PDB file of N, CA and C in Angstrom:
ATOM      1  N   MET A   1      23.660  19.440 -14.660  1.00  0.00           N
ATOM      2  CA  MET A   1      24.329  18.657 -14.080  1.00  0.00           C
ATOM      3  C   MET A   1      22.947  17.567 -13.074  1.00  0.00           C
ATOM      4  N   PRO A   2      22.704  16.458 -12.932  1.00  0.00           N
ATOM      5  CA  PRO A   2      21.881  15.858 -11.894  1.00  0.00           C
ATOM      6  C   PRO A   2      22.113  16.808 -10.289  1.00  0.00           C
ATOM      7  N   VAL A   3      21.224  17.159  -9.590  1.00  0.00           N
ATOM      8  CA  VAL A   3      21.058  17.108  -8.452  1.00  0.00           C
ATOM      9  C   VAL A   3      21.182  15.881  -7.459  1.00  0.00           C
ATOM     10  N   ALA A   4      22.402  15.263  -6.209  1.00  0.00           N
ATOM     11  CA  ALA A   4      21.877  14.476  -5.807  1.00  0.00           C
ATOM     12  C   ALA A   4      20.899  14.918  -4.573  1.00  0.00           C
ATOM     13  N   PRO A   5      20.146  13.617  -4.122  1.00  0.00           N
ATOM     14  CA  PRO A   5      18.902  13.787  -3.132  1.00  0.00           C
ATOM     15  C   PRO A   5      19.550  14.074  -1.827  1.00  0.00           C
ATOM     16  N   VAL A   6      18.540  15.344  -1.071  1.00  0.00           N
ATOM     17  CA  VAL A   6      19.349  15.430   0.165  1.00  0.00           C
ATOM     18  C   VAL A   6      18.304  14.594   1.113  1.00  0.00           C
ATOM     19  N   ALA A   7      19.255  13.641   2.144  1.00  0.00           N
ATOM     20  CA  ALA A   7      18.852  13.345   3.222  1.00  0.00           C
ATOM     21  C   ALA A   7      18.408  13.693   4.218  1.00  0.00           C
ATOM     22  N   PRO A   8      17.135  13.876   4.621  1.00  0.00           N
ATOM     23  CA  PRO A   8      16.062  14.403   5.562  1.00  0.00           C
ATOM     24  C   PRO A   8      17.016  14.787   7.074  1.00  0.00           C
ATOM     25  N   THR A   9      16.678  14.940   7.680  1.00  0.00           N
ATOM     26  CA  THR A   9      17.494  15.480   8.816  1.00  0.00           C
ATOM     27  C   THR A   9      16.381  15.652  10.174  1.00  0.00           C
ATOM     28  N   ASP A  10      15.146  15.724   9.449  1.00  0.00           N
ATOM     29  CA  ASP A  10      13.737  15.559  10.734  1.00  0.00           C
ATOM     30  C   ASP A  10      13.761  14.487  10.997  1.00  0.00           C
ATOM     31  N   ARG A  11      13.340  14.159  12.396  1.00  0.00           N
ATOM     32  CA  ARG A  11      13.518  13.034  12.928  1.00  0.00           C
ATOM     33  C   ARG A  11      12.142  12.089  12.311  1.00  0.00           C
ATOM     34  N   LEU A  12      10.973  12.569  11.706  1.00  0.00           N
ATOM     35  CA  LEU A  12      10.060  11.360  11.230  1.00  0.00           C
ATOM     36  C   LEU A  12      10.620  11.288   9.789  1.00  0.00           C
ATOM     37  N   GLY A  13      11.430  12.227   8.983  1.00  0.00           N
ATOM     38  CA  GLY A  13      11.853  12.149   7.417  1.00  0.00           C
ATOM     39  C   GLY A  13      13.193  10.892   7.378  1.00  0.00           C
ATOM     40  N   VAL A  14      13.514  11.340   8.685  1.00  0.00           N
ATOM     41  CA  VAL A  14      14.767  10.062   8.740  1.00  0.00           C
ATOM     42  C   VAL A  14      14.023   8.332   8.998  1.00  0.00           C
ATOM     43  N   LEU A  15      12.867   8.437   9.888  1.00  0.00           N
ATOM     44  CA  LEU A  15      12.145   7.286  10.184  1.00  0.00           C
ATOM     45  C   LEU A  15      11.881   6.420   8.467  1.00  0.00           C
ATOM     46  N   ILE A  16      10.888   7.876   8.370  1.00  0.00           N
ATOM     47  CA  ILE A  16      10.718   7.211   6.939  1.00  0.00           C
ATOM     48  C   ILE A  16      11.828   6.569   5.811  1.00  0.00           C
ATOM     49  N   ALA A  17      12.523   7.382   5.930  1.00  0.00           N
ATOM     50  CA  ALA A  17      13.991   7.201   4.609  1.00  0.00           C
ATOM     51  C   ALA A  17      14.641   5.896   4.963  1.00  0.00           C
ATOM     52  N   ALA A  18      14.220   5.586   6.230  1.00  0.00           N
ATOM     53  CA  ALA A  18      15.086   4.098   7.073  1.00  0.00           C
ATOM     54  C   ALA A  18      14.554   2.817   6.051  1.00  0.00           C
ATOM     55  N   TYR A  19      13.324   2.989   5.863  1.00  0.00           N
ATOM     56  CA  TYR A  19      12.490   1.760   5.730  1.00  0.00           C
ATOM     57  C   TYR A  19      13.121   1.443   4.141  1.00  0.00           C
ATOM     58  N   GLU A  20      12.502   0.201   3.644  1.00  0.00           N
ATOM     59  CA  GLU A  20      13.380  -0.205   2.526  1.00  0.00           C
ATOM     60  C   GLU A  20      12.135  -0.276   1.195  1.00  0.00           C
ATOM     61  N   TYR A  21      11.731   0.014   0.380  1.00  0.00           N
ATOM     62  CA  TYR A  21      10.783  -0.149  -0.296  1.00  0.00           C
ATOM     63  C   TYR A  21      10.382  -0.590  -1.898  1.00  0.00           C
ATOM     64  N   GLU A  22       9.466  -0.910  -2.359  1.00  0.00           N
ATOM     65  CA  GLU A  22       9.709  -1.807  -3.391  1.00  0.00           C
ATOM     66  C   GLU A  22       8.279  -1.699  -3.896  1.00  0.00           C
ATOM     67  N   LEU A  23       7.639  -1.794  -5.230  1.00  0.00           N
ATOM     68  CA  LEU A  23       6.612  -1.451  -6.248  1.00  0.00           C
ATOM     69  C   LEU A  23       5.185  -2.549  -5.216  1.00  0.00           C
ATOM     70  N   GLY A  24       4.437  -2.204  -5.202  1.00  0.00           N
ATOM     71  CA  GLY A  24       3.451  -2.797  -4.585  1.00  0.00           C
ATOM     72  C   GLY A  24       1.922  -2.142  -4.429  1.00  0.00           C
ATOM     73  N   SER A  25       1.429  -2.495  -3.655  1.00  0.00           N
ATOM     74  CA  SER A  25       0.089  -2.285  -3.138  1.00  0.00           C
ATOM     75  C   SER A  25       0.138  -1.855  -1.628  1.00  0.00           C
ATOM     76  N   CYS A  26      -0.649  -0.879  -0.965  1.00  0.00           N
ATOM     77  CA  CYS A  26      -1.184  -0.595   0.323  1.00  0.00           C
ATOM     78  C   CYS A  26      -1.661  -0.925   0.627  1.00  0.00           C
ATOM     79  N   PHE A  27      -1.548  -1.599   1.943  1.00  0.00           N
ATOM     80  CA  PHE A  27      -3.246  -2.432   2.503  1.00  0.00           C
ATOM     81  C   PHE A  27      -3.799  -1.158   3.232  1.00  0.00           C
ATOM     82  N   ARG A  28      -3.447   0.137   3.285  1.00  0.00           N
ATOM     83  CA  ARG A  28      -4.561   1.266   3.820  1.00  0.00           C
ATOM     84  C   ARG A  28      -5.117   2.377   3.346  1.00  0.00           C
ATOM     85  N   CYS A  29      -4.486   2.324   2.150  1.00  0.00           N
ATOM     86  CA  CYS A  29      -5.190   3.384   1.325  1.00  0.00           C
ATOM     87  C   CYS A  29      -5.308   2.386  -0.789  1.00  0.00           C
ATOM     88  N   PRO A  30      -6.329   2.986  -1.240  1.00  0.00           N
ATOM     89  CA  PRO A  30      -6.265   2.363  -2.324  1.00  0.00           C
ATOM     90  C   PRO A  30      -5.729   2.021  -3.679  1.00  0.00           C
ATOM     91  N   ARG A  31      -4.461   2.688  -3.617  1.00  0.00           N
ATOM     92  CA  ARG A  31      -3.647   3.353  -4.302  1.00  0.00           C
ATOM     93  C   ARG A  31      -2.458   1.888  -4.752  1.00  0.00           C
ATOM     94  N   ARG A  32      -2.101   1.775  -5.856  1.00  0.00           N
ATOM     95  CA  ARG A  32      -1.650   0.775  -6.554  1.00  0.00           C
ATOM     96  C   ARG A  32      -0.399   1.047  -7.288  1.00  0.00           C
ATOM     97  N   GLN A  33       0.084  -0.167  -7.314  1.00  0.00           N
ATOM     98  CA  GLN A  33       1.803  -0.083  -8.088  1.00  0.00           C
ATOM     99  C   GLN A  33       2.647   1.399  -7.868  1.00  0.00           C
ATOM    100  N   LEU A  34       2.969   1.994  -6.458  1.00  0.00           N
ATOM    101  CA  LEU A  34       4.052   2.866  -6.204  1.00  0.00           C
ATOM    102  C   LEU A  34       4.617   2.001  -4.900  1.00  0.00           C
ATOM    103  N   GLN A  35       5.045   2.683  -4.592  1.00  0.00           N
ATOM    104  CA  GLN A  35       6.818   1.950  -3.380  1.00  0.00           C
ATOM    105  C   GLN A  35       5.847   1.977  -2.306  1.00  0.00           C
ATOM    106  N   VAL A  36       5.770   0.779  -1.867  1.00  0.00           N
ATOM    107  CA  VAL A  36       5.681   0.135  -0.580  1.00  0.00           C
ATOM    108  C   VAL A  36       6.491  -0.181   0.466  1.00  0.00           C
ATOM    109  N   THR A  37       6.924  -0.606   1.691  1.00  0.00           N
ATOM    110  CA  THR A  37       7.494  -1.088   2.408  1.00  0.00           C
ATOM    111  C   THR A  37       6.924  -2.350   3.351  1.00  0.00           C
ATOM    112  N   ARG A  38       6.963  -3.110   3.601  1.00  0.00           N
ATOM    113  CA  ARG A  38       6.735  -4.502   4.414  1.00  0.00           C
ATOM    114  C   ARG A  38       6.548  -3.085   6.166  1.00  0.00           C
ATOM    115  N   LEU A  39       5.189  -3.839   6.777  1.00  0.00           N
ATOM    116  CA  LEU A  39       5.071  -2.811   8.150  1.00  0.00           C
ATOM    117  C   LEU A  39       5.054  -4.475   9.144  1.00  0.00           C
ATOM    118  N   GLY A  40       4.284  -5.651   8.757  1.00  0.00           N
ATOM    119  CA  GLY A  40       4.247  -6.620   9.520  1.00  0.00           C
ATOM    120  C   GLY A  40       3.042  -7.358   8.791  1.00  0.00           C
ATOM    121  N   GLU A  41       2.073  -8.431   9.450  1.00  0.00           N
ATOM    122  CA  GLU A  41       1.566  -9.213   9.030  1.00  0.00           C
ATOM    123  C   GLU A  41       0.089  -9.433  10.062  1.00  0.00           C
ATOM    124  N   ILE A  42      -0.609  -9.978   9.618  1.00  0.00           N
ATOM    125  CA  ILE A  42      -1.997 -10.582  10.311  1.00  0.00           C
ATOM    126  C   ILE A  42      -1.621 -12.370   9.932  1.00  0.00           C
ATOM    127  N   THR A  43      -1.739 -12.877  11.064  1.00  0.00           N
ATOM    128  CA  THR A  43      -1.782 -14.249  11.122  1.00  0.00           C
ATOM    129  C   THR A  43      -2.919 -14.578  11.572  1.00  0.00           C
ATOM    130  N   SER A  44      -3.470 -15.729  10.802  1.00  0.00           N
ATOM    131  CA  SER A  44      -4.356 -16.525  11.231  1.00  0.00           C
ATOM    132  C   SER A  44      -4.235 -18.060  11.303  1.00  0.00           C
ATOM    133  N   GLU A  45      -4.875 -19.239  11.708  1.00  0.00           N
ATOM    134  CA  GLU A  45      -4.862 -20.577  11.518  1.00  0.00           C
ATOM    135  C   GLU A  45      -4.601 -20.553  10.171  1.00  0.00           C
ATOM    136  N   GLU A  46      -5.240 -19.742   8.569  1.00  0.00           N
ATOM    137  CA  GLU A  46      -5.384 -20.190   7.690  1.00  0.00           C
ATOM    138  C   GLU A  46      -3.899 -19.778   6.582  1.00  0.00           C
ATOM    139  N   GLY A  47      -3.089 -19.297   7.758  1.00  0.00           N
ATOM    140  CA  GLY A  47      -1.377 -18.614   7.150  1.00  0.00           C
ATOM    141  C   GLY A  47      -1.417 -16.748   7.642  1.00  0.00           C
ATOM    142  N   GLU A  48      -0.555 -16.358   6.789  1.00  0.00           N
ATOM    143  CA  GLU A  48      -0.172 -15.081   6.929  1.00  0.00           C
ATOM    144  C   GLU A  48      -0.552 -14.399   5.735  1.00  0.00           C
ATOM    145  N   THR A  49      -0.685 -13.249   6.128  1.00  0.00           N
ATOM    146  CA  THR A  49      -0.989 -12.146   4.696  1.00  0.00           C
ATOM    147  C   THR A  49       0.097 -10.697   5.404  1.00  0.00           C
ATOM    148  N   PRO A  50       1.206 -10.286   4.457  1.00  0.00           N
ATOM    149  CA  PRO A  50       1.664  -9.491   4.583  1.00  0.00           C
ATOM    150  C   PRO A  50       1.162  -8.060   4.534  1.00  0.00           C
ATOM    151  N   LEU A  51       1.562  -7.359   5.190  1.00  0.00           N
ATOM    152  CA  LEU A  51       1.013  -5.926   5.470  1.00  0.00           C
ATOM    153  C   LEU A  51       2.143  -4.840   5.097  1.00  0.00           C
ATOM    154  N   TYR A  52       2.107  -4.495   3.528  1.00  0.00           N
ATOM    155  CA  TYR A  52       2.693  -3.342   3.095  1.00  0.00           C
ATOM    156  C   TYR A  52       1.750  -1.753   3.042  1.00  0.00           C
ATOM    157  N   ALA A  53       2.896  -1.115   3.192  1.00  0.00           N
ATOM    158  CA  ALA A  53       2.365   0.473   3.384  1.00  0.00           C
ATOM    159  C   ALA A  53       2.890   1.371   2.392  1.00  0.00           C
ATOM    160  N   CYS A  54       2.358   2.532   1.591  1.00  0.00           N
ATOM    161  CA  CYS A  54       3.141   3.267   1.109  1.00  0.00           C
ATOM    162  C   CYS A  54       3.703   4.166   1.753  1.00  0.00           C
ATOM    163  N   ARG A  55       4.368   5.428   1.177  1.00  0.00           N
ATOM    164  CA  ARG A  55       5.135   6.079   1.823  1.00  0.00           C
ATOM    165  C   ARG A  55       4.790   7.386   2.768  1.00  0.00           C
ATOM    166  N   GLN A  56       3.079   7.478   2.060  1.00  0.00           N
ATOM    167  CA  GLN A  56       2.250   8.661   2.840  1.00  0.00           C
ATOM    168  C   GLN A  56       1.563   7.884   3.787  1.00  0.00           C
ATOM    169  N   CYS A  57       1.443   6.477   3.979  1.00  0.00           N
ATOM    170  CA  CYS A  57       0.371   6.284   4.835  1.00  0.00           C
ATOM    171  C   CYS A  57       1.650   5.603   6.434  1.00  0.00           C
ATOM    172  N   VAL A  58       2.843   5.399   5.938  1.00  0.00           N
ATOM    173  CA  VAL A  58       3.878   5.066   6.516  1.00  0.00           C
ATOM    174  C   VAL A  58       4.008   6.600   7.649  1.00  0.00           C
ATOM    175  N   GLU A  59       4.188   7.380   6.940  1.00  0.00           N
ATOM    176  CA  GLU A  59       4.443   8.652   7.554  1.00  0.00           C
ATOM    177  C   GLU A  59       2.874   9.191   8.606  1.00  0.00           C
ATOM    178  N   ASP A  60       1.793   8.678   7.750  1.00  0.00           N
ATOM    179  CA  ASP A  60       0.448   9.388   8.763  1.00  0.00           C
ATOM    180  C   ASP A  60       0.626   8.367   9.935  1.00  0.00           C
ATOM    181  N   LEU A  61       1.163   6.783   9.873  1.00  0.00           N
ATOM    182  CA  LEU A  61       1.374   5.667  10.970  1.00  0.00           C
ATOM    183  C   LEU A  61       2.534   6.347  12.314  1.00  0.00           C
ATOM    184  N   LEU A  62       3.169   6.987  11.881  1.00  0.00           N
ATOM    185  CA  LEU A  62       4.213   7.106  12.409  1.00  0.00           C
ATOM    186  C   LEU A  62       3.787   8.597  13.048  1.00  0.00           C
ATOM    187  N   ALA A  63       2.938   9.643  12.264  1.00  0.00           N
ATOM    188  CA  ALA A  63       2.654  10.651  13.202  1.00  0.00           C
ATOM    189  C   ALA A  63       2.005  10.446  14.032  1.00  0.00           C
ATOM    190  N   MET A  64       0.860   9.197  13.749  1.00  0.00           N
ATOM    191  CA  MET A  64      -0.352   8.868  14.473  1.00  0.00           C
ATOM    192  C   MET A  64       0.318   8.318  15.591  1.00  0.00           C
ATOM    193  N   HIS A  65       1.782   7.710  15.987  1.00  0.00           N
ATOM    194  CA  HIS A  65       2.251   6.940  17.108  1.00  0.00           C
ATOM    195  C   HIS A  65       2.902   8.639  18.199  1.00  0.00           C
ATOM    196  N   GLU A  66       3.456   9.155  16.886  1.00  0.00           N
ATOM    197  CA  GLU A  66       4.332  10.452  18.130  1.00  0.00           C
ATOM    198  C   GLU A  66       3.006  11.250  18.913  1.00  0.00           C
ATOM    199  N   ARG A  67       1.780  11.236  17.979  1.00  0.00           N
ATOM    200  CA  ARG A  67       0.493  11.735  18.475  1.00  0.00           C
ATOM    201  C   ARG A  67       0.186  11.287  20.031  1.00  0.00           C
ATOM    202  N   SER A  68       0.082   9.929  19.650  1.00  0.00           N
ATOM    203  CA  SER A  68      -0.391   8.978  20.978  1.00  0.00           C
ATOM    204  C   SER A  68       0.514   8.300  22.358  1.00  0.00           C
ATOM    205  N   VAL A  69       2.005   8.780  21.914  1.00  0.00           N
ATOM    206  CA  VAL A  69       2.714   8.620  22.862  1.00  0.00           C
ATOM    207  C   VAL A  69       3.203  10.008  23.516  1.00  0.00           C
ATOM    208  N   GLY A  70       3.028  10.943  22.821  1.00  0.00           N
ATOM    209  CA  GLY A  70       3.551  12.282  23.032  1.00  0.00           C
ATOM    210  C   GLY A  70       5.156  12.464  23.330  1.00  0.00           C
ATOM    211  N   ARG A  71       5.777  13.412  23.445  1.00  0.00           N
ATOM    212  CA  ARG A  71       6.894  13.775  23.807  1.00  0.00           C
ATOM    213  C   ARG A  71       7.830  12.746  24.777  1.00  0.00           C
ATOM    214  N   GLU A  72       7.009  13.176  26.062  1.00  0.00           N
ATOM    215  CA  GLU A  72       7.235  12.314  27.086  1.00  0.00           C
ATOM    216  C   GLU A  72       7.401  10.759  27.018  1.00  0.00           C
ATOM    217  N   GLY A  73       6.703  10.334  26.656  1.00  0.00           N
ATOM    218  CA  GLY A  73       6.507   8.785  25.800  1.00  0.00           C
ATOM    219  C   GLY A  73       7.981   7.976  25.571  1.00  0.00           C
ATOM    220  N   PRO A  74       8.157   6.689  25.522  1.00  0.00           N
ATOM    221  CA  PRO A  74       8.875   6.303  24.172  1.00  0.00           C
ATOM    222  C   PRO A  74       9.167   6.658  23.221  1.00  0.00           C
ATOM    223  N   ARG A  75      10.131   6.381  22.109  1.00  0.00           N
ATOM    224  CA  ARG A  75      10.635   6.874  21.026  1.00  0.00           C
ATOM    225  C   ARG A  75      10.324   5.586  20.213  1.00  0.00           C
ATOM    226  N   PRO A  76       9.544   5.953  19.075  1.00  0.00           N
ATOM    227  CA  PRO A  76       9.464   4.725  18.208  1.00  0.00           C
ATOM    228  C   PRO A  76      10.977   4.305  17.340  1.00  0.00           C
ATOM    229  N   TYR A  77      11.004   2.741  17.559  1.00  0.00           N
ATOM    230  CA  TYR A  77      11.958   2.418  16.856  1.00  0.00           C
ATOM    231  C   TYR A  77      11.908   1.818  15.581  1.00  0.00           C
ATOM    232  N   ILE A  78      12.937   1.414  14.511  1.00  0.00           N
ATOM    233  CA  ILE A  78      12.669   0.742  13.273  1.00  0.00           C
ATOM    234  C   ILE A  78      12.827  -0.062  13.270  1.00  0.00           C
ATOM    235  N   LEU A  79      12.106  -0.788  12.446  1.00  0.00           N
ATOM    236  CA  LEU A  79      12.623  -2.421  12.505  1.00  0.00           C
ATOM    237  C   LEU A  79      12.135  -3.134  11.401  1.00  0.00           C
ATOM    238  N   GLN A  80      12.977  -3.302  10.290  1.00  0.00           N
ATOM    239  CA  GLN A  80      12.744  -4.299   9.085  1.00  0.00           C
ATOM    240  C   GLN A  80      12.772  -5.238   9.131  1.00  0.00           C
ATOM    241  N   LEU A  81      11.695  -5.489   8.423  1.00  0.00           N
ATOM    242  CA  LEU A  81      11.201  -6.604   8.610  1.00  0.00           C
ATOM    243  C   LEU A  81      11.798  -7.747   7.580  1.00  0.00           C
ATOM    244  N   PRO A  82      12.346  -9.031   7.871  1.00  0.00           N
ATOM    245  CA  PRO A  82      12.748  -9.668   6.607  1.00  0.00           C
ATOM    246  C   PRO A  82      11.836  -9.804   5.288  1.00  0.00           C
ATOM    247  N   ARG A  83      12.536  -9.689   4.297  1.00  0.00           N
ATOM    248  CA  ARG A  83      12.112  -9.767   2.631  1.00  0.00           C
ATOM    249  C   ARG A  83      11.309 -11.537   2.597  1.00  0.00           C
ATOM    250  N   VAL A  84      10.502 -11.457   2.112  1.00  0.00           N
ATOM    251  CA  VAL A  84       9.779 -12.687   1.883  1.00  0.00           C
ATOM    252  C   VAL A  84       9.081 -12.576   0.224  1.00  0.00           C
ATOM    253  N   PRO A  85       9.539 -13.065  -0.311  1.00  0.00           N
ATOM    254  CA  PRO A  85       8.885 -13.162  -2.442  1.00  0.00           C
ATOM    255  C   PRO A  85       7.479 -12.987  -1.989  1.00  0.00           C
ATOM    256  N   ARG A  86       7.096 -12.156  -3.110  1.00  0.00           N
ATOM    257  CA  ARG A  86       5.888 -12.302  -3.164  1.00  0.00           C
ATOM    258  C   ARG A  86       5.573 -13.102  -4.168  1.00  0.00           C
ATOM    259  N   GLU A  87       4.451 -13.630  -4.287  1.00  0.00           N
ATOM    260  CA  GLU A  87       4.094 -14.876  -5.380  1.00  0.00           C
ATOM    261  C   GLU A  87       2.979 -14.231  -6.204  1.00  0.00           C
TER     262      GLU A  87
END
């Protein structure tokens, strides 16, 4: 009988699980064709380039954020960007 996945209960795990993932390439590491989520974009006069990151890099970025604000600083929040179809 298959076992249902257990939802994370730690703060970092909850943040990571809240993002929507799709197959793609991570902007931060060389891995391709894995689950990524859109984190933002780089905008210039020439246009906009979306930035997608894999789960491991999202976890690393959130941990870096946690260390930079310290325990007494503002807490990270989740912002799910609207999906834009890839061409």
